[in-house]
Amino acid sequence: MQSGKECLRVVGGRRLVGTTRPGGAKNAILPILAATVLTRETCVIRGVPAIRDVQVMIEILRRLGVKVRQEEDASGLVLSVSAADLDSWEVREDLTREMRSSIFLMGPLLGRLGRVRMAYPGGCAIGPRPIDYHLRGLAHMGARVEERHGYIEAEAAHLLGREIYLDFPSVGATENLMMAAVLARGTTIIRGAAREPEITDLQNLLNAMGARVRGAGLDVIRVEGVGRLHGCEHTVIPDRIEAGSLMAAAAITGGDVRLEGVIAEHVEAVSAKLTEMGAEIVDEGDGAIRVRGPKRLKAVDVKTLPYPGIPTDMQPQFMALATVADGTSVITETIFENRFKQAEELRRMGAQIKVVGHTAVVQGVDRLSGAAVSAPALREGMALVLAGLVADGETRVYGTEHIDRGYERLEAKLRDLGADVERIVE
């Protein structure tokens, strides 16, 4: 176990009660920040989550010559981004290895400068996530794409509107190709597009900048290329994965939590599954959802699917809930190949989990026991925190750098709801 490191210390047994709200969506803000390089004018982005991935993206932008000013208002973090002095088309390896979302800069840089060079992106180790869809789509639009020495280089004097078919509804590829297409010559049609709400949020930003994009939320997106884009103001949608995680925290502790600033439609699949597990979910309107957890959760079968199905980013949290549910749950992961890493850590806490390929069979136990565990990735870390909330004794969750990539002030939000959790350095 990692000694002398920061960890979250969680003492289980407290019922969560109160009101909280999720921050801006991590999976929306990163492509939105990448899109700001498409114009020379200033873009003001509100409701930005204060998370580690945002700071990494800001650093990447600054190294490209982009000016980023950070302020705060009632909505949270506000970023003013000006790419008027964008002077580099190369994204450095030291930062791309830290965050996979750096790949979102390929389309915008290619569209704005006609050239991009970047190292293969990194991020959470949750299985292979090939960027073939991104590269094939850009090549189909006329870019010359080369992969060598661990770098990807793409060049095009002018991108051309084309009809692109995605064999799988990749969120990242859909967004990257949308951003590449807004300044391309002609009309681009993306068929088999992903339908996630974050794609609609990106469309709204691009259209506010003067782009002509329609169809986000459907499986066909049309982009009519324009000559230039201008600055705009935009507010990021709330984070549906953070909302789902907080809903899970209320359910697993038998709590009573009201979430404000939530788009209920975005968490419908999570709400339905939590209801199946015995929780009471009430849509109170005006962006408020109330979650009351049962005395003991019921076992369920969970299968991850592209939106509007159960998000893969909620699969680890549902596994945590299943460990203390009454009965046997079967969890099937269809998106990523290596996303059961939390199972080994949960077993340290007394969970009974058997993993075979893409399926995990979880036999619920009466109680978990606090233990020292390590977060292998972002959502997996949240799953361990959830387990710690109901475990006997103290749980220490190491790997906080993963959790901080996607959750803003997690320990403070949980404490406000009555949890016994703090960040410590041993």
Protein backbone atom coordinates (compact mmCIF):
# COMPACT_ATOMS: atom_id res chain seq x y z
CA MET A 1 0.00 0.00 0.00
CA GLN A 2 1.16 3.54 -0.71
CA SER A 3 2.60 5.02 2.50
CA GLY A 4 3.16 8.72 3.05
CA LYS A 5 0.49 9.51 0.48
CA GLU A 6 -2.73 11.47 0.52
CA CYS A 7 -5.93 9.52 1.02
CA LEU A 8 -9.60 9.92 1.83
CA ARG A 9 -10.39 8.60 5.31
CA VAL A 10 -13.98 7.37 5.45
CA VAL A 11 -15.71 6.10 8.58
CA GLY A 12 -18.83 4.18 7.68
CA GLY A 13 -22.24 3.98 9.27
CA ARG A 14 -23.67 7.45 8.79
CA ARG A 15 -26.91 8.09 6.92
CA LEU A 16 -26.59 10.91 4.39
CA VAL A 17 -29.22 13.64 4.76
CA GLY A 18 -29.45 17.11 3.27
CA THR A 19 -29.17 19.06 0.03
CA THR A 20 -26.32 19.19 -2.48
CA ARG A 21 -25.70 19.87 -6.16
CA PRO A 22 -23.33 18.48 -8.80
CA GLY A 23 -20.81 20.71 -10.54
CA GLY A 24 -20.47 21.30 -14.26
CA ALA A 25 -20.06 18.24 -16.43
CA LYS A 26 -16.51 16.95 -16.76
CA ASN A 27 -17.35 15.19 -20.01
CA ALA A 28 -18.79 18.41 -21.46
CA ILE A 29 -16.23 21.01 -20.41
CA LEU A 30 -13.18 19.29 -21.91
CA PRO A 31 -14.37 19.26 -25.55
CA ILE A 32 -15.86 22.72 -24.99
CA LEU A 33 -12.45 24.08 -23.95
CA ALA A 34 -10.90 22.43 -26.99
CA ALA A 35 -13.52 24.10 -29.21
CA THR A 36 -12.49 27.57 -28.05
CA VAL A 37 -9.35 27.40 -30.24
CA LEU A 38 -11.61 27.47 -33.31
CA THR A 39 -12.00 31.26 -33.00
CA ARG A 40 -9.70 34.22 -32.45
CA GLU A 41 -12.32 35.88 -30.26
CA THR A 42 -12.85 35.41 -26.51
CA CYS A 43 -15.18 32.71 -25.19
CA VAL A 44 -16.53 32.96 -21.64
CA ILE A 45 -17.45 29.59 -20.11
CA ARG A 46 -19.45 29.49 -16.87
CA GLY A 47 -20.25 26.67 -14.45
CA VAL A 48 -16.84 25.08 -15.00
CA PRO A 49 -16.02 22.28 -12.53
CA ALA A 50 -12.91 22.90 -10.44
CA ILE A 51 -11.37 19.51 -11.16
CA ARG A 52 -7.90 18.33 -12.07
CA ASP A 53 -8.69 17.49 -15.70
CA VAL A 54 -9.80 21.08 -16.30
CA GLN A 55 -6.52 22.41 -14.95
CA VAL A 56 -4.57 20.03 -17.19
CA MET A 57 -6.56 21.19 -20.23
CA ILE A 58 -5.93 24.82 -19.28
CA GLU A 59 -2.21 24.12 -19.12
CA ILE A 60 -2.31 22.46 -22.55
CA LEU A 61 -4.11 25.48 -24.00
CA ARG A 62 -1.64 27.90 -22.46
CA ARG A 63 1.29 26.03 -23.97
CA LEU A 64 -0.39 26.45 -27.36
CA GLY A 65 -0.40 30.22 -26.86
CA VAL A 66 -4.00 30.51 -25.65
CA LYS A 67 -4.77 33.00 -22.87
CA VAL A 68 -7.00 31.63 -20.11
CA ARG A 69 -8.25 33.77 -17.21
CA GLN A 70 -9.94 32.11 -14.22
CA GLU A 71 -12.55 33.84 -12.03
CA GLU A 72 -15.49 32.80 -9.88
CA ASP A 73 -19.14 33.79 -9.72
CA ALA A 74 -22.35 32.27 -8.35
CA SER A 75 -22.19 29.49 -10.97
CA GLY A 76 -18.70 28.47 -9.86
CA LEU A 77 -15.52 28.72 -11.90
CA VAL A 78 -15.63 31.05 -14.92
CA LEU A 79 -13.04 30.79 -17.70
CA SER A 80 -12.33 33.51 -20.27
CA VAL A 81 -10.46 31.88 -23.15
CA SER A 82 -8.79 33.80 -25.96
CA ALA A 83 -7.03 31.90 -28.75
CA ALA A 84 -6.17 35.03 -30.77
CA ASP A 85 -2.46 34.30 -30.29
CA LEU A 86 -2.65 30.55 -30.91
CA ASP A 87 0.87 29.89 -32.13
CA SER A 88 1.48 26.15 -31.86
CA TRP A 89 -0.05 23.08 -33.47
CA GLU A 90 1.88 20.59 -31.30
CA VAL A 91 0.44 19.15 -28.08
CA ARG A 92 3.27 18.05 -25.81
CA GLU A 93 3.64 14.46 -24.67
CA ASP A 94 3.98 15.19 -20.93
CA LEU A 95 0.41 16.52 -20.79
CA THR A 96 -1.27 14.23 -23.33
CA ARG A 97 -0.12 11.23 -21.31
CA GLU A 98 -1.90 12.63 -18.26
CA MET A 99 -5.30 13.13 -19.86
CA ARG A 100 -6.99 11.27 -22.68
CA SER A 101 -9.27 14.20 -23.47
CA SER A 102 -6.33 16.02 -25.05
CA ILE A 103 -7.39 14.14 -28.21
CA PHE A 104 -10.26 16.65 -28.52
CA LEU A 105 -7.75 19.22 -29.75
CA MET A 106 -7.06 17.30 -32.96
CA GLY A 107 -10.19 18.43 -34.80
CA PRO A 108 -10.10 22.10 -33.69
CA LEU A 109 -6.36 22.56 -34.35
CA LEU A 110 -6.65 20.91 -37.74
CA GLY A 111 -9.64 23.09 -38.61
CA ARG A 112 -8.01 26.33 -37.40
CA LEU A 113 -4.35 25.85 -38.34
CA GLY A 114 -4.49 23.06 -40.92
CA ARG A 115 -2.03 20.97 -38.97
CA VAL A 116 -1.71 19.15 -35.64
CA ARG A 117 0.88 16.94 -33.96
CA MET A 118 0.26 15.21 -30.66
CA ALA A 119 1.40 12.23 -28.63
CA TYR A 120 -1.00 9.39 -28.04
CA PRO A 121 -3.31 10.42 -25.20
CA GLY A 122 -3.36 8.76 -21.78
CA GLY A 123 -5.92 8.85 -18.93
CA CYS A 124 -7.56 6.19 -16.79
CA ALA A 125 -6.43 2.59 -17.35
CA ILE A 126 -9.87 1.12 -18.02
CA GLY A 127 -9.05 -0.82 -21.15
CA PRO A 128 -8.25 -0.09 -24.79
CA ARG A 129 -9.95 2.99 -26.18
CA PRO A 130 -8.72 3.18 -29.78
CA ILE A 131 -8.82 6.51 -31.54
CA ASP A 132 -9.24 4.88 -34.95
CA TYR A 133 -12.69 6.45 -35.40
CA HIS A 134 -11.21 9.92 -34.89
CA LEU A 135 -8.36 9.37 -37.34
CA ARG A 136 -10.42 7.62 -40.02
CA GLY A 137 -12.99 10.39 -39.92
CA LEU A 138 -10.38 13.14 -40.25
CA ALA A 139 -8.68 11.29 -43.10
CA HIS A 140 -12.04 10.95 -44.86
CA MET A 141 -12.38 14.74 -44.61
CA GLY A 142 -9.14 15.14 -46.53
CA ALA A 143 -6.48 15.17 -43.83
CA ARG A 144 -3.22 13.33 -44.34
CA VAL A 145 -2.79 11.36 -41.12
CA GLU A 146 0.46 9.67 -40.08
CA GLU A 147 1.27 7.71 -36.94
CA ARG A 148 4.92 7.32 -36.02
CA HIS A 149 7.24 7.27 -33.02
CA GLY A 150 4.28 7.49 -30.62
CA TYR A 151 2.92 10.63 -32.26
CA ILE A 152 -0.03 11.39 -34.51
CA GLU A 153 0.38 14.02 -37.21
CA ALA A 154 -2.43 15.33 -39.39
CA GLU A 155 -2.34 17.99 -42.06
CA ALA A 156 -4.89 19.47 -44.46
CA ALA A 157 -4.89 22.74 -46.36
CA HIS A 158 -8.69 22.58 -46.21
CA LEU A 159 -10.95 20.00 -44.61
CA LEU A 160 -13.85 18.95 -46.82
CA GLY A 161 -17.41 18.10 -45.82
CA ARG A 162 -18.04 14.38 -46.13
CA GLU A 163 -20.49 11.68 -45.05
CA ILE A 164 -18.93 9.71 -42.21
CA TYR A 165 -20.18 6.43 -40.75
CA LEU A 166 -19.19 5.47 -37.21
CA ASP A 167 -19.23 1.70 -36.60
CA PHE A 168 -19.68 2.40 -32.87
CA PRO A 169 -21.29 5.51 -31.33
CA SER A 170 -18.02 6.86 -29.95
CA VAL A 171 -18.60 10.04 -27.94
CA GLY A 172 -15.08 11.33 -28.44
CA ALA A 173 -15.04 10.69 -32.19
CA THR A 174 -18.47 12.29 -32.63
CA GLU A 175 -17.33 15.44 -30.83
CA ASN A 176 -13.93 15.63 -32.53
CA LEU A 177 -15.44 15.29 -35.99
CA MET A 178 -18.12 17.89 -35.18
CA MET A 179 -15.41 20.38 -34.22
CA ALA A 180 -13.32 19.58 -37.30
CA ALA A 181 -16.36 20.01 -39.55
CA VAL A 182 -17.52 23.47 -38.45
CA LEU A 183 -14.81 25.22 -40.52
CA ALA A 184 -14.67 22.62 -43.30
CA ARG A 185 -15.78 23.34 -46.85
CA GLY A 186 -19.25 21.92 -47.47
CA THR A 187 -21.54 19.80 -45.32
CA THR A 188 -20.44 16.94 -43.08
CA ILE A 189 -22.93 14.24 -42.08
CA ILE A 190 -21.99 11.98 -39.16
CA ARG A 191 -24.05 8.78 -39.12
CA GLY A 192 -24.06 6.42 -36.15
CA ALA A 193 -23.24 9.39 -33.92
CA ALA A 194 -23.27 9.10 -30.14
CA ARG A 195 -26.29 10.67 -28.43
CA GLU A 196 -24.91 11.71 -25.03
CA PRO A 197 -26.12 15.04 -23.52
CA GLU A 198 -22.55 16.36 -23.56
CA ILE A 199 -22.67 16.27 -27.37
CA THR A 200 -25.76 18.46 -27.33
CA ASP A 201 -23.95 20.85 -24.99
CA LEU A 202 -21.05 21.04 -27.44
CA GLN A 203 -23.46 21.68 -30.31
CA ASN A 204 -25.02 24.55 -28.33
CA LEU A 205 -21.59 26.10 -27.76
CA LEU A 206 -20.55 25.75 -31.40
CA ASN A 207 -23.80 27.27 -32.64
CA ALA A 208 -23.40 30.15 -30.19
CA MET A 209 -20.02 30.71 -31.88
CA GLY A 210 -21.68 30.93 -35.29
CA ALA A 211 -21.46 27.31 -36.41
CA ARG A 212 -24.30 25.48 -38.15
CA VAL A 213 -24.71 22.16 -36.37
CA ARG A 214 -27.93 20.23 -35.90
CA GLY A 215 -28.94 16.74 -34.87
CA ALA A 216 -27.07 16.37 -31.56
CA GLY A 217 -28.98 13.91 -29.39
CA LEU A 218 -29.86 11.87 -32.49
CA ASP A 219 -27.75 9.36 -34.39
CA VAL A 220 -27.28 11.63 -37.42
CA ILE A 221 -25.54 15.00 -37.05
CA ARG A 222 -25.23 17.53 -39.89
CA VAL A 223 -22.60 20.26 -39.89
CA GLU A 224 -22.58 22.99 -42.53
CA GLY A 225 -19.11 24.50 -42.68
CA VAL A 226 -18.77 28.27 -42.15
CA GLY A 227 -15.96 30.69 -42.93
CA ARG A 228 -15.25 31.83 -39.37
CA LEU A 229 -16.48 31.59 -35.81
CA HIS A 230 -16.79 34.30 -33.16
CA GLY A 231 -16.66 34.46 -29.38
CA CYS A 232 -19.59 33.59 -27.12
CA GLU A 233 -20.76 32.97 -23.57
CA HIS A 234 -21.84 29.51 -22.50
CA THR A 235 -22.81 27.71 -19.28
CA VAL A 236 -21.84 24.05 -18.93
CA ILE A 237 -24.58 21.49 -18.21
CA PRO A 238 -24.56 19.78 -14.77
CA ASP A 239 -22.54 16.61 -14.42
CA ARG A 240 -24.89 13.62 -14.72
CA ILE A 241 -22.22 11.18 -13.52
CA GLU A 242 -21.53 13.18 -10.37
CA ALA A 243 -25.29 13.47 -9.87
CA GLY A 244 -25.63 9.70 -10.28
CA SER A 245 -22.77 9.11 -7.85
CA LEU A 246 -24.40 11.33 -5.20
CA MET A 247 -27.72 9.56 -5.78
CA ALA A 248 -25.92 6.26 -5.22
CA ALA A 249 -24.41 7.63 -1.98
CA ALA A 250 -27.88 8.47 -0.71
CA ALA A 251 -29.21 5.04 -1.71
CA ILE A 252 -26.39 2.96 -0.22
CA THR A 253 -26.57 4.74 3.16
CA GLY A 254 -30.36 4.61 3.40
CA GLY A 255 -30.24 8.38 3.28
CA ASP A 256 -32.54 11.20 2.24
CA VAL A 257 -30.77 13.59 -0.13
CA ARG A 258 -32.11 16.37 -2.35
CA LEU A 259 -30.02 17.18 -5.42
CA GLU A 260 -30.46 20.60 -6.97
CA GLY A 261 -29.32 21.80 -10.38
CA VAL A 262 -29.86 18.40 -12.04
CA ILE A 263 -31.35 17.65 -15.46
CA ALA A 264 -33.64 14.74 -14.56
CA GLU A 265 -33.76 13.41 -18.11
CA HIS A 266 -29.98 12.91 -18.08
CA VAL A 267 -30.13 10.55 -15.09
CA GLU A 268 -33.29 8.63 -16.01
CA ALA A 269 -31.48 5.31 -16.50
CA VAL A 270 -29.71 5.64 -13.16
CA SER A 271 -32.95 6.65 -11.44
CA ALA A 272 -34.76 3.63 -12.88
CA LYS A 273 -32.08 1.21 -11.71
CA LEU A 274 -31.90 2.74 -8.21
CA THR A 275 -35.69 2.47 -8.01
CA GLU A 276 -35.39 -1.20 -8.95
CA MET A 277 -32.94 -1.56 -6.05
CA GLY A 278 -35.54 -0.18 -3.65
CA ALA A 279 -34.70 3.52 -3.51
CA GLU A 280 -37.41 6.15 -3.83
CA ILE A 281 -36.63 8.77 -6.50
CA VAL A 282 -38.83 11.86 -6.73
CA ASP A 283 -38.47 14.46 -9.48
CA GLU A 284 -39.50 17.62 -7.65
CA GLY A 285 -39.21 19.83 -10.71
CA ASP A 286 -37.03 22.91 -11.28
CA GLY A 287 -33.95 20.73 -11.48
CA ALA A 288 -34.40 19.05 -8.08
CA ILE A 289 -34.37 15.30 -7.43
CA ARG A 290 -34.90 13.68 -4.02
CA VAL A 291 -33.43 10.27 -3.25
CA ARG A 292 -34.50 8.17 -0.26
CA GLY A 293 -32.58 4.95 0.27
CA PRO A 294 -34.12 1.74 1.65
CA LYS A 295 -33.02 -0.08 4.79
CA ARG A 296 -31.32 -2.55 2.47
CA LEU A 297 -30.88 -2.42 -1.27
CA LYS A 298 -32.15 -5.19 -3.55
CA ALA A 299 -29.91 -7.02 -6.00
CA VAL A 300 -30.23 -6.05 -9.69
CA ASP A 301 -28.76 -6.85 -13.06
CA VAL A 302 -26.85 -3.97 -14.66
CA LYS A 303 -25.68 -3.72 -18.26
CA THR A 304 -23.78 -0.69 -19.50
CA LEU A 305 -24.90 0.79 -22.82
CA PRO A 306 -24.42 3.99 -24.81
CA TYR A 307 -26.80 6.80 -23.85
CA PRO A 308 -29.65 6.65 -22.94
CA GLY A 309 -28.63 3.38 -21.25
CA ILE A 310 -26.70 2.91 -18.01
CA PRO A 311 -23.40 4.83 -18.45
CA THR A 312 -20.17 2.87 -18.18
CA ASP A 313 -19.04 5.69 -15.86
CA MET A 314 -21.69 4.50 -13.34
CA GLN A 315 -20.86 0.79 -13.52
CA PRO A 316 -18.27 0.82 -10.66
CA GLN A 317 -20.71 2.69 -8.40
CA PHE A 318 -23.46 0.14 -9.08
CA MET A 319 -21.01 -2.63 -8.24
CA ALA A 320 -20.39 -0.95 -4.87
CA LEU A 321 -24.14 -0.83 -4.22
CA ALA A 322 -24.49 -4.49 -5.22
CA THR A 323 -21.90 -5.59 -2.64
CA VAL A 324 -24.34 -4.85 0.20
CA ALA A 325 -27.61 -5.57 -1.64
CA ASP A 326 -29.89 -8.46 -0.74
CA GLY A 327 -29.29 -11.20 -3.30
CA THR A 328 -27.05 -11.75 -6.32
CA SER A 329 -26.44 -9.05 -8.91
CA VAL A 330 -25.00 -9.59 -12.39
CA ILE A 331 -23.10 -6.65 -13.89
CA THR A 332 -22.19 -6.69 -17.57
CA GLU A 333 -19.72 -4.17 -19.03
CA THR A 334 -20.15 -3.69 -22.77
CA ILE A 335 -18.17 -0.47 -23.37
CA PHE A 336 -14.67 -1.00 -21.95
CA GLU A 337 -12.72 -4.24 -21.63
CA ASN A 338 -10.92 -3.61 -18.36
CA ARG A 339 -13.39 -1.84 -16.11
CA PHE A 340 -13.74 -4.20 -13.18
CA LYS A 341 -10.54 -3.13 -11.43
CA GLN A 342 -12.52 -1.95 -8.42
CA ALA A 343 -13.61 -5.56 -7.78
CA GLU A 344 -10.27 -6.59 -6.28
CA GLU A 345 -10.27 -3.58 -3.93
CA LEU A 346 -13.89 -4.18 -2.90
CA ARG A 347 -12.97 -7.77 -2.08
CA ARG A 348 -10.45 -6.38 0.42
CA MET A 349 -13.46 -4.96 2.22
CA GLY A 350 -15.26 -8.30 2.32
CA ALA A 351 -17.26 -8.10 -0.90
CA GLN A 352 -18.05 -11.34 -2.72
CA ILE A 353 -17.40 -10.70 -6.40
CA LYS A 354 -16.54 -13.11 -9.19
CA VAL A 355 -15.41 -11.67 -12.52
CA VAL A 356 -15.58 -13.70 -15.74
CA GLY A 357 -14.73 -11.73 -18.87
CA HIS A 358 -17.15 -8.85 -19.29
CA THR A 359 -19.41 -10.03 -16.46
CA ALA A 360 -19.19 -9.67 -12.68
CA VAL A 361 -21.38 -11.70 -10.34
CA VAL A 362 -21.83 -9.97 -6.98
CA GLN A 363 -23.29 -11.78 -3.99
CA GLY A 364 -24.44 -9.15 -1.51
CA VAL A 365 -23.08 -9.39 2.05
CA ASP A 366 -24.58 -8.09 5.29
CA ARG A 367 -21.64 -5.83 6.09
CA LEU A 368 -18.41 -4.63 4.54
CA SER A 369 -15.30 -4.01 6.65
CA GLY A 370 -13.16 -0.91 6.45
CA ALA A 371 -9.77 -1.44 4.81
CA ALA A 372 -6.92 0.34 3.05
CA VAL A 373 -7.76 0.36 -0.67
CA SER A 374 -6.39 2.09 -3.74
CA ALA A 375 -8.40 3.79 -6.48
CA PRO A 376 -7.23 2.38 -9.83
CA ALA A 377 -9.12 5.06 -11.81
CA LEU A 378 -11.64 7.88 -11.46
CA ARG A 379 -15.05 6.20 -11.18
CA GLU A 380 -13.55 3.16 -9.51
CA GLY A 381 -12.31 5.51 -6.78
CA MET A 382 -15.84 6.79 -6.24
CA ALA A 383 -17.04 3.19 -5.89
CA LEU A 384 -14.56 2.63 -3.06
CA VAL A 385 -15.73 5.79 -1.30
CA LEU A 386 -19.33 4.54 -1.55
CA ALA A 387 -18.30 1.23 -0.02
CA GLY A 388 -16.49 3.07 2.75
CA LEU A 389 -19.66 5.00 3.63
CA VAL A 390 -21.35 1.78 4.77
CA ALA A 391 -18.37 -0.32 5.90
CA ASP A 392 -17.69 -1.13 9.55
CA GLY A 393 -14.83 1.00 10.84
CA GLU A 394 -12.41 3.09 8.83
CA THR A 395 -11.63 2.89 5.13
CA ARG A 396 -8.65 4.70 3.59
CA VAL A 397 -8.97 5.31 -0.14
CA TYR A 398 -5.63 6.05 -1.78
CA GLY A 399 -5.20 7.33 -5.33
CA THR A 400 -7.00 10.62 -4.67
CA GLU A 401 -5.37 12.05 -7.80
CA HIS A 402 -7.73 9.86 -9.84
CA ILE A 403 -10.83 10.94 -7.89
CA ASP A 404 -9.85 14.60 -8.19
CA ARG A 405 -9.87 14.29 -11.98
CA GLY A 406 -13.66 14.26 -12.03
CA TYR A 407 -15.15 15.14 -8.63
CA GLU A 408 -15.14 18.67 -7.28
CA ARG A 409 -14.84 18.98 -3.47
CA LEU A 410 -16.11 15.42 -3.03
CA GLU A 411 -15.21 15.05 0.65
CA ALA A 412 -16.71 18.47 1.48
CA LYS A 413 -20.00 17.65 -0.28
CA LEU A 414 -20.26 14.31 1.52
CA ARG A 415 -19.42 15.94 4.87
CA ASP A 416 -22.18 18.50 4.32
CA LEU A 417 -24.56 15.55 4.02
CA GLY A 418 -23.34 14.07 7.31
CA ALA A 419 -20.63 11.67 6.17
CA ASP A 420 -17.52 11.15 8.27
CA VAL A 421 -14.89 11.70 5.59
CA GLU A 422 -11.71 13.77 5.42
CA ARG A 423 -8.64 14.13 3.26
CA ILE A 424 -5.43 13.32 5.12
CA VAL A 425 -1.75 12.87 4.42
CA GLU A 426 -0.24 10.04 6.41
